[in-house]
C-alpha atoms as a PDB file:
ATOM      1  CA  MET A   1     -33.192  11.292   7.862  1.00  0.00           C
ATOM      2  CA  ARG A   2     -34.992  14.627   8.279  1.00  0.00           C
ATOM      3  CA  GLU A   3     -36.412  13.417  11.584  1.00  0.00           C
ATOM      4  CA  ALA A   4     -32.902  12.527  12.772  1.00  0.00           C
ATOM      5  CA  MET A   5     -31.685  15.972  11.737  1.00  0.00           C
ATOM      6  CA  ALA A   6     -34.488  17.709  13.600  1.00  0.00           C
ATOM      7  CA  ALA A   7     -33.793  15.737  16.777  1.00  0.00           C
ATOM      8  CA  ALA A   8     -30.001  16.119  16.731  1.00  0.00           C
ATOM      9  CA  VAL A   9     -28.148  17.381  19.791  1.00  0.00           C
ATOM     10  CA  VAL A  10     -25.797  20.144  18.671  1.00  0.00           C
ATOM     11  CA  GLY A  11     -22.973  22.306  19.979  1.00  0.00           C
ATOM     12  CA  ASP A  12     -20.253  24.584  18.631  1.00  0.00           C
ATOM     13  CA  ASP A  13     -17.987  22.429  16.503  1.00  0.00           C
ATOM     14  CA  GLY A  14     -15.505  25.274  16.219  1.00  0.00           C
ATOM     15  CA  TYR A  15     -14.689  24.504  19.848  1.00  0.00           C
ATOM     16  CA  GLY A  16     -15.141  20.746  19.476  1.00  0.00           C
ATOM     17  CA  GLU A  17     -18.407  20.899  21.418  1.00  0.00           C
ATOM     18  CA  ASP A  18     -20.845  19.288  18.988  1.00  0.00           C
ATOM     19  CA  PRO A  19     -21.513  15.747  20.267  1.00  0.00           C
ATOM     20  CA  THR A  20     -23.215  14.571  17.085  1.00  0.00           C
ATOM     21  CA  ILE A  21     -20.298  15.641  14.904  1.00  0.00           C
ATOM     22  CA  ALA A  22     -17.893  14.008  17.336  1.00  0.00           C
ATOM     23  CA  ALA A  23     -19.892  10.774  17.144  1.00  0.00           C
ATOM     24  CA  LEU A  24     -19.878  10.862  13.337  1.00  0.00           C
ATOM     25  CA  GLU A  25     -16.133  11.480  13.163  1.00  0.00           C
ATOM     26  CA  ALA A  26     -15.438   8.611  15.571  1.00  0.00           C
ATOM     27  CA  ARG A  27     -17.777   6.287  13.668  1.00  0.00           C
ATOM     28  CA  TYR A  28     -16.141   6.996  10.313  1.00  0.00           C
ATOM     29  CA  ALA A  29     -12.598   6.727  11.696  1.00  0.00           C
ATOM     30  CA  ALA A  30     -13.448   3.304  13.095  1.00  0.00           C
ATOM     31  CA  LEU A  31     -15.013   2.151   9.810  1.00  0.00           C
ATOM     32  CA  VAL A  32     -11.934   3.069   7.769  1.00  0.00           C
ATOM     33  CA  GLY A  33      -9.429   1.961  10.396  1.00  0.00           C
ATOM     34  CA  LYS A  34      -7.886   5.373  11.082  1.00  0.00           C
ATOM     35  CA  GLU A  35      -7.094   7.166  14.325  1.00  0.00           C
ATOM     36  CA  ALA A  36      -9.216  10.263  13.762  1.00  0.00           C
ATOM     37  CA  ALA A  37     -11.528  12.000  11.301  1.00  0.00           C
ATOM     38  CA  ILE A  38     -12.770  15.490  10.429  1.00  0.00           C
ATOM     39  CA  PHE A  39     -16.240  16.456   9.222  1.00  0.00           C
ATOM     40  CA  VAL A  40     -16.176  18.983   6.367  1.00  0.00           C
ATOM     41  CA  PRO A  41     -18.778  20.548   4.068  1.00  0.00           C
ATOM     42  CA  SER A  42     -17.579  18.918   0.831  1.00  0.00           C
ATOM     43  CA  GLY A  43     -15.410  16.233  -0.701  1.00  0.00           C
ATOM     44  CA  VAL A  44     -13.333  18.838  -2.519  1.00  0.00           C
ATOM     45  CA  MET A  45     -12.459  20.451   0.811  1.00  0.00           C
ATOM     46  CA  ALA A  46     -11.513  17.070   2.263  1.00  0.00           C
ATOM     47  CA  ASN A  47      -9.213  16.384  -0.692  1.00  0.00           C
ATOM     48  CA  GLN A  48      -7.659  19.821  -0.431  1.00  0.00           C
ATOM     49  CA  ILE A  49      -7.013  19.466   3.299  1.00  0.00           C
ATOM     50  CA  ALA A  50      -5.300  16.142   2.627  1.00  0.00           C
ATOM     51  CA  VAL A  51      -3.072  17.741   0.004  1.00  0.00           C
ATOM     52  CA  ARG A  52      -2.152  20.531   2.416  1.00  0.00           C
ATOM     53  CA  VAL A  53      -1.151  18.251   5.278  1.00  0.00           C
ATOM     54  CA  LEU A  54       0.662  15.677   3.142  1.00  0.00           C
ATOM     55  CA  THR A  55       2.707  17.890   0.787  1.00  0.00           C
ATOM     56  CA  GLN A  56       5.026  20.881   0.677  1.00  0.00           C
ATOM     57  CA  PRO A  57       4.880  23.679  -1.929  1.00  0.00           C
ATOM     58  CA  GLY A  58       6.689  22.571  -5.075  1.00  0.00           C
ATOM     59  CA  ASP A  59       5.955  18.879  -4.526  1.00  0.00           C
ATOM     60  CA  VAL A  60       4.552  16.685  -7.276  1.00  0.00           C
ATOM     61  CA  ILE A  61       1.442  14.544  -6.799  1.00  0.00           C
ATOM     62  CA  ILE A  62       1.166  11.399  -8.903  1.00  0.00           C
ATOM     63  CA  ALA A  63      -2.465  10.932  -9.905  1.00  0.00           C
ATOM     64  CA  GLY A  64      -4.603   9.488 -12.667  1.00  0.00           C
ATOM     65  CA  LYS A  65      -5.205  11.980 -15.446  1.00  0.00           C
ATOM     66  CA  SER A  66      -8.991  11.757 -15.147  1.00  0.00           C
ATOM     67  CA  GLN A  67      -9.274  11.743 -11.337  1.00  0.00           C
ATOM     68  CA  HIS A  68     -11.579  14.215  -9.625  1.00  0.00           C
ATOM     69  CA  VAL A  69      -8.708  15.950  -7.817  1.00  0.00           C
ATOM     70  CA  VAL A  70      -7.196  16.703 -11.242  1.00  0.00           C
ATOM     71  CA  SER A  71     -10.140  17.359 -13.541  1.00  0.00           C
ATOM     72  CA  TYR A  72     -12.901  18.680 -11.314  1.00  0.00           C
ATOM     73  CA  GLU A  73     -11.237  20.686  -8.561  1.00  0.00           C
ATOM     74  CA  TYR A  74     -10.351  23.564 -10.886  1.00  0.00           C
ATOM     75  CA  GLY A  75      -6.663  23.836 -10.094  1.00  0.00           C
ATOM     76  CA  ALA A  76      -7.375  23.919  -6.373  1.00  0.00           C
ATOM     77  CA  SER A  77      -4.254  22.000  -5.349  1.00  0.00           C
ATOM     78  CA  ALA A  78      -1.994  24.371  -7.273  1.00  0.00           C
ATOM     79  CA  ARG A  79      -3.782  27.386  -5.864  1.00  0.00           C
ATOM     80  CA  ASN A  80      -4.131  26.149  -2.293  1.00  0.00           C
ATOM     81  CA  SER A  81      -0.932  24.175  -1.804  1.00  0.00           C
ATOM     82  CA  GLY A  82       1.503  25.218  -4.523  1.00  0.00           C
ATOM     83  CA  VAL A  83       1.861  21.686  -5.875  1.00  0.00           C
ATOM     84  CA  GLN A  84       1.846  20.203  -9.352  1.00  0.00           C
ATOM     85  CA  PHE A  85       0.683  16.903 -10.841  1.00  0.00           C
ATOM     86  CA  ALA A  86       2.396  14.078 -12.680  1.00  0.00           C
ATOM     87  CA  LEU A  87      -0.449  12.447 -14.572  1.00  0.00           C
ATOM     88  CA  VAL A  88      -0.588   8.759 -15.401  1.00  0.00           C
ATOM     89  CA  ASP A  89      -2.994   6.599 -17.355  1.00  0.00           C
ATOM     90  CA  ASP A  90      -6.027   5.595 -15.285  1.00  0.00           C
ATOM     91  CA  SER A  91      -8.370   4.444 -18.023  1.00  0.00           C
ATOM     92  CA  THR A  92      -8.948   1.121 -16.248  1.00  0.00           C
ATOM     93  CA  GLY A  93      -9.717   2.892 -12.967  1.00  0.00           C
ATOM     94  CA  GLU A  94      -6.355   2.010 -11.444  1.00  0.00           C
ATOM     95  CA  LEU A  95      -3.028   3.836 -11.886  1.00  0.00           C
ATOM     96  CA  ASN A  96      -0.647   2.465 -14.506  1.00  0.00           C
ATOM     97  CA  LEU A  97       2.161   1.164 -12.326  1.00  0.00           C
ATOM     98  CA  ASP A  98       4.812   1.473 -15.036  1.00  0.00           C
ATOM     99  CA  ASP A  99       4.027   5.193 -15.247  1.00  0.00           C
ATOM    100  CA  VAL A 100       4.151   5.502 -11.464  1.00  0.00           C
ATOM    101  CA  ARG A 101       7.531   3.788 -11.255  1.00  0.00           C
ATOM    102  CA  GLU A 102       8.877   6.031 -14.012  1.00  0.00           C
ATOM    103  CA  TYR A 103       7.942   9.210 -12.154  1.00  0.00           C
ATOM    104  CA  LEU A 104       9.313   7.901  -8.872  1.00  0.00           C
ATOM    105  CA  ALA A 105      12.606   6.921 -10.491  1.00  0.00           C
ATOM    106  CA  ALA A 106      12.901  10.349 -12.156  1.00  0.00           C
ATOM    107  CA  GLU A 107      13.753  11.964  -8.809  1.00  0.00           C
ATOM    108  CA  ASP A 108      17.249  10.520  -9.235  1.00  0.00           C
ATOM    109  CA  ASP A 109      17.536  12.564 -12.435  1.00  0.00           C
ATOM    110  CA  HIS A 110      16.897  15.897 -10.730  1.00  0.00           C
ATOM    111  CA  GLN A 111      13.146  15.821 -11.349  1.00  0.00           C
ATOM    112  CA  PRO A 112      10.772  17.348  -8.753  1.00  0.00           C
ATOM    113  CA  HIS A 113      10.107  15.521  -5.498  1.00  0.00           C
ATOM    114  CA  ILE A 114       7.089  13.204  -5.470  1.00  0.00           C
ATOM    115  CA  GLY A 115       5.347  14.175  -2.263  1.00  0.00           C
ATOM    116  CA  LEU A 116       2.098  12.241  -2.620  1.00  0.00           C
ATOM    117  CA  LEU A 117       0.243   9.607  -4.628  1.00  0.00           C
ATOM    118  CA  SER A 118      -3.497  10.145  -5.031  1.00  0.00           C
ATOM    119  CA  ILE A 119      -6.022   7.508  -6.052  1.00  0.00           C
ATOM    120  CA  GLU A 120      -9.791   7.399  -6.535  1.00  0.00           C
ATOM    121  CA  ASN A 121     -11.921   4.457  -5.385  1.00  0.00           C
ATOM    122  CA  THR A 122     -14.373   3.925  -6.901  1.00  0.00           C
ATOM    123  CA  HIS A 123     -12.974   5.590 -10.002  1.00  0.00           C
ATOM    124  CA  MET A 124     -15.828   7.613 -11.434  1.00  0.00           C
ATOM    125  CA  PRO A 125     -14.737   8.384 -15.042  1.00  0.00           C
ATOM    126  CA  SER A 126     -14.066   4.744 -15.912  1.00  0.00           C
ATOM    127  CA  GLY A 127     -17.566   3.824 -14.740  1.00  0.00           C
ATOM    128  CA  GLY A 128     -17.415   3.637 -10.946  1.00  0.00           C
ATOM    129  CA  THR A 129     -14.648   1.039 -11.040  1.00  0.00           C
ATOM    130  CA  PRO A 130     -13.461  -0.316  -7.676  1.00  0.00           C
ATOM    131  CA  TRP A 131      -9.786  -0.998  -7.056  1.00  0.00           C
ATOM    132  CA  SER A 132      -8.812  -4.584  -6.290  1.00  0.00           C
ATOM    133  CA  LEU A 133      -7.188  -5.155  -2.920  1.00  0.00           C
ATOM    134  CA  ASP A 134      -4.132  -6.674  -4.607  1.00  0.00           C
ATOM    135  CA  ALA A 135      -3.680  -3.567  -6.768  1.00  0.00           C
ATOM    136  CA  LEU A 136      -3.914  -1.315  -3.710  1.00  0.00           C
ATOM    137  CA  ARG A 137      -1.315  -3.351  -1.872  1.00  0.00           C
ATOM    138  CA  THR A 138       0.996  -3.320  -4.865  1.00  0.00           C
ATOM    139  CA  LEU A 139       0.691   0.448  -5.193  1.00  0.00           C
ATOM    140  CA  LYS A 140       1.501   0.864  -1.513  1.00  0.00           C
ATOM    141  CA  SER A 141       4.594  -1.268  -1.988  1.00  0.00           C
ATOM    142  CA  VAL A 142       5.677   0.786  -4.996  1.00  0.00           C
ATOM    143  CA  ALA A 143       5.070   4.062  -3.126  1.00  0.00           C
ATOM    144  CA  GLY A 144       7.364   3.037  -0.299  1.00  0.00           C
ATOM    145  CA  GLU A 145       7.415   5.699   2.421  1.00  0.00           C
ATOM    146  CA  ARG A 146       5.517   8.241   0.347  1.00  0.00           C
ATOM    147  CA  PRO A 147       1.965   8.953   1.539  1.00  0.00           C
ATOM    148  CA  ILE A 148      -1.111   7.902  -0.413  1.00  0.00           C
ATOM    149  CA  HIS A 149      -4.394   9.806  -0.330  1.00  0.00           C
ATOM    150  CA  LEU A 150      -7.532   7.862  -1.200  1.00  0.00           C
ATOM    151  CA  ASP A 151     -10.325   9.922  -2.697  1.00  0.00           C
ATOM    152  CA  GLY A 152     -13.083   7.606  -1.579  1.00  0.00           C
ATOM    153  CA  ALA A 153     -16.043   9.778  -2.487  1.00  0.00           C
ATOM    154  CA  ARG A 154     -17.740   6.473  -3.363  1.00  0.00           C
ATOM    155  CA  LEU A 155     -15.658   4.276  -1.055  1.00  0.00           C
ATOM    156  CA  PHE A 156     -18.668   2.401   0.250  1.00  0.00           C
ATOM    157  CA  ASN A 157     -19.750   1.489  -3.270  1.00  0.00           C
ATOM    158  CA  ALA A 158     -16.348  -0.215  -3.524  1.00  0.00           C
ATOM    159  CA  VAL A 159     -16.920  -1.937  -0.176  1.00  0.00           C
ATOM    160  CA  VAL A 160     -20.287  -3.329  -1.281  1.00  0.00           C
ATOM    161  CA  ALA A 161     -19.065  -4.351  -4.738  1.00  0.00           C
ATOM    162  CA  THR A 162     -15.852  -6.072  -3.637  1.00  0.00           C
ATOM    163  CA  LYS A 163     -17.052  -7.353  -0.249  1.00  0.00           C
ATOM    164  CA  VAL A 164     -13.791  -6.050   1.232  1.00  0.00           C
ATOM    165  CA  SER A 165     -14.109  -3.970   4.385  1.00  0.00           C
ATOM    166  CA  ALA A 166     -13.424  -0.251   4.335  1.00  0.00           C
ATOM    167  CA  ALA A 167     -10.643  -0.750   6.881  1.00  0.00           C
ATOM    168  CA  GLU A 168      -8.888  -3.309   4.663  1.00  0.00           C
ATOM    169  CA  ILE A 169      -9.119  -1.019   1.653  1.00  0.00           C
ATOM    170  CA  CYS A 170      -7.947   2.048   3.563  1.00  0.00           C
ATOM    171  CA  ALA A 171      -5.046   0.259   5.246  1.00  0.00           C
ATOM    172  CA  ASN A 172      -3.190   0.982   2.025  1.00  0.00           C
ATOM    173  CA  ALA A 173      -3.615   4.770   2.289  1.00  0.00           C
ATOM    174  CA  THR A 174      -2.404   7.431   4.697  1.00  0.00           C
ATOM    175  CA  THR A 175      -5.583   9.479   4.462  1.00  0.00           C
ATOM    176  CA  VAL A 176      -9.034   8.768   3.073  1.00  0.00           C
ATOM    177  CA  MET A 177     -12.020  10.922   2.174  1.00  0.00           C
ATOM    178  CA  SER A 178     -15.640   9.824   1.742  1.00  0.00           C
ATOM    179  CA  CYS A 179     -18.785  11.690   0.742  1.00  0.00           C
ATOM    180  CA  LEU A 180     -21.907  11.263   2.834  1.00  0.00           C
ATOM    181  CA  SER A 181     -24.042  12.503  -0.037  1.00  0.00           C
ATOM    182  CA  LYS A 182     -24.192  10.766  -3.430  1.00  0.00           C
ATOM    183  CA  GLY A 183     -25.326   7.168  -2.874  1.00  0.00           C
ATOM    184  CA  LEU A 184     -25.360   7.498   0.913  1.00  0.00           C
ATOM    185  CA  CYS A 185     -28.098  10.146   0.589  1.00  0.00           C
ATOM    186  CA  ALA A 186     -27.078  12.702   3.236  1.00  0.00           C
ATOM    187  CA  PRO A 187     -27.776  16.266   2.064  1.00  0.00           C
ATOM    188  CA  VAL A 188     -24.348  17.724   2.906  1.00  0.00           C
ATOM    189  CA  GLY A 189     -20.950  16.665   4.140  1.00  0.00           C
ATOM    190  CA  SER A 190     -17.818  14.602   3.724  1.00  0.00           C
ATOM    191  CA  LEU A 191     -15.242  13.129   6.072  1.00  0.00           C
ATOM    192  CA  LEU A 192     -11.456  12.968   6.020  1.00  0.00           C
ATOM    193  CA  ALA A 193      -9.627  10.405   8.176  1.00  0.00           C
ATOM    194  CA  GLY A 194      -6.028   9.587   8.955  1.00  0.00           C
ATOM    195  CA  PRO A 195      -3.420   9.670  11.725  1.00  0.00           C
ATOM    196  CA  ALA A 196      -4.478  11.765  14.709  1.00  0.00           C
ATOM    197  CA  ALA A 197      -1.576  14.215  14.402  1.00  0.00           C
ATOM    198  CA  LEU A 198      -2.374  14.849  10.736  1.00  0.00           C
ATOM    199  CA  MET A 199      -6.038  15.366  11.506  1.00  0.00           C
ATOM    200  CA  GLU A 200      -5.166  17.973  14.131  1.00  0.00           C
ATOM    201  CA  ARG A 201      -3.270  19.834  11.420  1.00  0.00           C
ATOM    202  CA  GLY A 202      -6.236  19.207   9.164  1.00  0.00           C
ATOM    203  CA  ARG A 203      -8.531  21.069  11.546  1.00  0.00           C
ATOM    204  CA  ILE A 204      -6.308  24.131  11.188  1.00  0.00           C
ATOM    205  CA  GLU A 205      -6.441  23.844   7.397  1.00  0.00           C
ATOM    206  CA  ARG A 206     -10.223  23.395   7.543  1.00  0.00           C
ATOM    207  CA  LYS A 207     -10.387  26.701   9.422  1.00  0.00           C
ATOM    208  CA  ARG A 208      -8.182  28.377   6.839  1.00  0.00           C
ATOM    209  CA  LEU A 209     -10.424  27.137   4.053  1.00  0.00           C
ATOM    210  CA  GLY A 210     -13.554  28.381   5.811  1.00  0.00           C
ATOM    211  CA  GLY A 211     -14.884  24.922   6.574  1.00  0.00           C
ATOM    212  CA  THR A 212     -15.297  25.095  10.352  1.00  0.00           C
ATOM    213  CA  MET A 213     -19.018  25.094  11.129  1.00  0.00           C
ATOM    214  CA  ARG A 214     -20.893  25.949  14.303  1.00  0.00           C
ATOM    215  CA  GLN A 215     -23.995  24.037  15.372  1.00  0.00           C
ATOM    216  CA  ALA A 216     -23.792  21.635  12.443  1.00  0.00           C
ATOM    217  CA  GLY A 217     -24.697  18.475  14.328  1.00  0.00           C
ATOM    218  CA  PHE A 218     -27.988  18.272  12.444  1.00  0.00           C
ATOM    219  CA  LEU A 219     -25.927  17.593   9.299  1.00  0.00           C
ATOM    220  CA  ALA A 220     -23.856  15.002  11.136  1.00  0.00           C
ATOM    221  CA  ALA A 221     -27.079  13.270  12.257  1.00  0.00           C
ATOM    222  CA  ALA A 222     -27.920  12.680   8.598  1.00  0.00           C
ATOM    223  CA  GLY A 223     -24.395  11.357   8.085  1.00  0.00           C
ATOM    224  CA  LEU A 224     -24.725   8.863  10.942  1.00  0.00           C
ATOM    225  CA  LEU A 225     -27.927   7.535   9.430  1.00  0.00           C
ATOM    226  CA  ALA A 226     -26.219   7.325   6.035  1.00  0.00           C
ATOM    227  CA  LEU A 227     -23.473   5.139   7.503  1.00  0.00           C
ATOM    228  CA  ASP A 228     -26.164   2.861   8.949  1.00  0.00           C
ATOM    229  CA  ASN A 229     -27.492   2.148   5.449  1.00  0.00           C
ATOM    230  CA  ILE A 230     -24.403   1.302   3.403  1.00  0.00           C
ATOM    231  CA  ASP A 231     -25.813  -2.070   2.331  1.00  0.00           C
ATOM    232  CA  ARG A 232     -28.563  -0.240   0.415  1.00  0.00           C
ATOM    233  CA  LEU A 233     -25.974   0.584  -2.254  1.00  0.00           C
ATOM    234  CA  ALA A 234     -26.335  -2.958  -3.593  1.00  0.00           C
ATOM    235  CA  GLU A 235     -29.740  -1.933  -4.958  1.00  0.00           C
ATOM    236  CA  ASP A 236     -28.108   0.843  -7.003  1.00  0.00           C
ATOM    237  CA  HIS A 237     -25.522  -1.597  -8.340  1.00  0.00           C
ATOM    238  CA  ALA A 238     -28.164  -4.071  -9.478  1.00  0.00           C
ATOM    239  CA  ARG A 239     -30.169  -1.369 -11.249  1.00  0.00           C
ATOM    240  CA  ALA A 240     -27.054   0.019 -12.914  1.00  0.00           C
ATOM    241  CA  ALA A 241     -26.184  -3.453 -14.215  1.00  0.00           C
ATOM    242  CA  THR A 242     -29.578  -3.637 -15.910  1.00  0.00           C
ATOM    243  CA  LEU A 243     -29.062  -0.220 -17.466  1.00  0.00           C
ATOM    244  CA  ALA A 244     -25.561  -1.181 -18.601  1.00  0.00           C
ATOM    245  CA  GLN A 245     -26.988  -4.038 -20.642  1.00  0.00           C
ATOM    246  CA  ALA A 246     -29.505  -1.690 -22.253  1.00  0.00           C
ATOM    247  CA  PHE A 247     -26.913   0.964 -23.104  1.00  0.00           C
ATOM    248  CA  ALA A 248     -24.545  -1.623 -24.564  1.00  0.00           C
ATOM    249  CA  ALA A 249     -27.340  -2.952 -26.780  1.00  0.00           C
ATOM    250  CA  ALA A 250     -28.421   0.554 -27.835  1.00  0.00           C
ATOM    251  CA  PHE A 251     -24.905   1.683 -28.789  1.00  0.00           C
ATOM    252  CA  PRO A 252     -22.911  -1.355 -29.978  1.00  0.00           C
ATOM    253  CA  GLU A 253     -20.620   0.979 -31.921  1.00  0.00           C
ATOM    254  CA  SER A 254     -19.316   2.329 -28.612  1.00  0.00           C
ATOM    255  CA  GLY A 255     -17.722  -1.007 -27.736  1.00  0.00           C
ATOM    256  CA  TYR A 256     -19.104  -0.655 -24.207  1.00  0.00           C
ATOM    257  CA  ASP A 257     -18.798  -3.850 -22.181  1.00  0.00           C
ATOM    258  CA  PRO A 258     -21.621  -3.933 -19.615  1.00  0.00           C
ATOM    259  CA  ALA A 259     -19.558  -6.279 -17.444  1.00  0.00           C
ATOM    260  CA  THR A 260     -17.354  -3.282 -16.589  1.00  0.00           C
ATOM    261  CA  CYS A 261     -20.281  -1.775 -14.669  1.00  0.00           C
ATOM    262  CA  GLN A 262     -19.475  -3.037 -11.185  1.00  0.00           C
ATOM    263  CA  THR A 263     -21.159  -0.356  -9.092  1.00  0.00           C
ATOM    264  CA  ASN A 264     -23.689   2.412  -9.787  1.00  0.00           C
ATOM    265  CA  ILE A 265     -22.268   4.178 -12.861  1.00  0.00           C
ATOM    266  CA  VAL A 266     -22.732   3.474 -16.558  1.00  0.00           C
ATOM    267  CA  ALA A 267     -20.049   5.279 -18.556  1.00  0.00           C
ATOM    268  CA  PHE A 268     -19.066   4.796 -22.177  1.00  0.00           C
ATOM    269  CA  THR A 269     -17.242   6.590 -24.967  1.00  0.00           C
ATOM    270  CA  HIS A 270     -19.159   7.641 -28.074  1.00  0.00           C
ATOM    271  CA  PRO A 271     -18.461  10.311 -30.728  1.00  0.00           C
ATOM    272  CA  GLN A 272     -22.003  11.660 -30.228  1.00  0.00           C
ATOM    273  CA  ALA A 273     -21.951  11.541 -26.427  1.00  0.00           C
ATOM    274  CA  ARG A 274     -23.224  15.094 -25.887  1.00  0.00           C
ATOM    275  CA  GLN A 275     -25.983  14.632 -28.430  1.00  0.00           C
ATOM    276  CA  ILE A 276     -27.018  11.303 -26.893  1.00  0.00           C
ATOM    277  CA  VAL A 277     -27.237  12.841 -23.434  1.00  0.00           C
ATOM    278  CA  HIS A 278     -29.257  15.789 -24.733  1.00  0.00           C
ATOM    279  CA  GLU A 279     -31.728  13.700 -26.722  1.00  0.00           C
ATOM    280  CA  LEU A 280     -32.211  11.143 -23.956  1.00  0.00           C
ATOM    281  CA  ALA A 281     -32.955  13.993 -21.546  1.00  0.00           C
ATOM    282  CA  GLU A 282     -35.697  15.116 -23.915  1.00  0.00           C
ATOM    283  CA  ARG A 283     -37.230  11.676 -23.438  1.00  0.00           C
ATOM    284  CA  GLY A 284     -36.933  11.727 -19.670  1.00  0.00           C
ATOM    285  CA  VAL A 285     -33.645   9.844 -19.173  1.00  0.00           C
ATOM    286  CA  ALA A 286     -31.200  12.188 -17.451  1.00  0.00           C
ATOM    287  CA  GLY A 287     -27.440  11.771 -17.703  1.00  0.00           C
ATOM    288  CA  GLY A 288     -24.364  13.842 -18.386  1.00  0.00           C
ATOM    289  CA  THR A 289     -20.928  13.889 -19.949  1.00  0.00           C
ATOM    290  CA  VAL A 290     -17.607  13.761 -18.108  1.00  0.00           C
ATOM    291  CA  ALA A 291     -15.579  14.463 -21.264  1.00  0.00           C
ATOM    292  CA  PRO A 292     -16.555  15.602 -24.773  1.00  0.00           C
ATOM    293  CA  ARG A 293     -17.084  12.040 -25.970  1.00  0.00           C
ATOM    294  CA  ARG A 294     -17.825  10.217 -22.723  1.00  0.00           C
ATOM    295  CA  ALA A 295     -21.371   9.824 -21.405  1.00  0.00           C
ATOM    296  CA  ARG A 296     -22.264   8.972 -17.823  1.00  0.00           C
ATOM    297  CA  PHE A 297     -25.498   7.753 -16.237  1.00  0.00           C
ATOM    298  CA  VAL A 298     -25.655   7.329 -12.453  1.00  0.00           C
ATOM    299  CA  VAL A 299     -28.077   5.320 -10.335  1.00  0.00           C
ATOM    300  CA  HIS A 300     -28.921   6.564  -6.834  1.00  0.00           C
ATOM    301  CA  ALA A 301     -31.573   6.071  -4.157  1.00  0.00           C
ATOM    302  CA  GLY A 302     -34.034   8.234  -6.072  1.00  0.00           C
ATOM    303  CA  ILE A 303     -34.063   5.772  -8.994  1.00  0.00           C
ATOM    304  CA  SER A 304     -36.626   2.988  -8.752  1.00  0.00           C
ATOM    305  CA  ASP A 305     -37.103  -0.259 -10.649  1.00  0.00           C
ATOM    306  CA  ASP A 306     -39.877   1.471 -12.601  1.00  0.00           C
ATOM    307  CA  ASP A 307     -37.466   4.241 -13.580  1.00  0.00           C
ATOM    308  CA  VAL A 308     -34.972   1.668 -14.826  1.00  0.00           C
ATOM    309  CA  ALA A 309     -37.677  -0.125 -16.791  1.00  0.00           C
ATOM    310  CA  TYR A 310     -38.687   3.180 -18.383  1.00  0.00           C
ATOM    311  CA  ALA A 311     -35.092   3.934 -19.409  1.00  0.00           C
ATOM    312  CA  VAL A 312     -34.696   0.437 -20.849  1.00  0.00           C
ATOM    313  CA  ASP A 313     -37.848   0.944 -22.954  1.00  0.00           C
ATOM    314  CA  VAL A 314     -36.577   4.280 -24.229  1.00  0.00           C
ATOM    315  CA  LEU A 315     -33.225   2.757 -25.205  1.00  0.00           C
ATOM    316  CA  LYS A 316     -34.858  -0.087 -27.150  1.00  0.00           C
ATOM    317  CA  ASP A 317     -35.842   2.236 -29.998  1.00  0.00           C
ATOM    318  CA  PHE A 318     -33.489   5.180 -29.438  1.00  0.00           C
ATOM    319  CA  HIS A 319     -31.240   6.491 -32.207  1.00  0.00           C
ATOM    320  CA  PRO A 320     -29.471   9.900 -32.145  1.00  0.00           C
ATOM    321  CA  ARG A 321     -30.804  12.316 -34.719  1.00  0.00           C
ATOM    322  CA  GLY A 322     -28.680  13.050 -37.769  1.00  0.00           C
END
């Protein structure tokens, strides 16, 4: 990847003159079945551009209460676009459709206009859960003419896990974002795709957010290589499944079902989650928490079979202190 970056042909992307960025945008748009795409520095920026081009100030966005765009973007949508959220249960990874229908119906009772539905696939907080194609199609039917934005930071984990193409998944959304980092291993960058007219507006919003880069084709070169190696994600999924079994055995009181680990994330609820993460880190097993009582452990390309075996050995005789 570093060799590809060093050899990249670059130009000024502010003027649309970087051929490597143009190639990456075209490649991603084709993969997800959209007319056009924009290369941006981060997934948060991609999400925020989507919100800007799909909503009006005062609109409501229906989203899962634990989605990244709600919990981890620090009020960005309210600050950047003047919108608010109607939060629904997403504990399974998918949006509760009864909640969605309730919010949509409330417009007839003088409630705020629902301008956008936002989903996350895979859904990180529930454990990297992929949406089923049937659920996506049902949500699209329920949404009617309202746009849907797909936060697909880990879209290609969903593709590998479900064996459904990215284009089929994204056919149910107006816009889609994917990260080139995380499991795809590029050092920087995300992509936003959708209808060509929306993406032209998106380029203006990218400029307003400070995301237009100059000779950034060397970053796009890493992204192109990342998209050539999507199948590698299956290795992460297999290693995570092994870890899921070990975590379930180590913490039976959590009620964690290892079968829910379908991609590269082990996530479970435990009253001592922060303590568990801290004490495992002391023994060389690094993880984190995504809520006060929810622990998360993520497998990526830097994790080997030996690393997994080490973590399994640690978990065999691990008990939180106190």
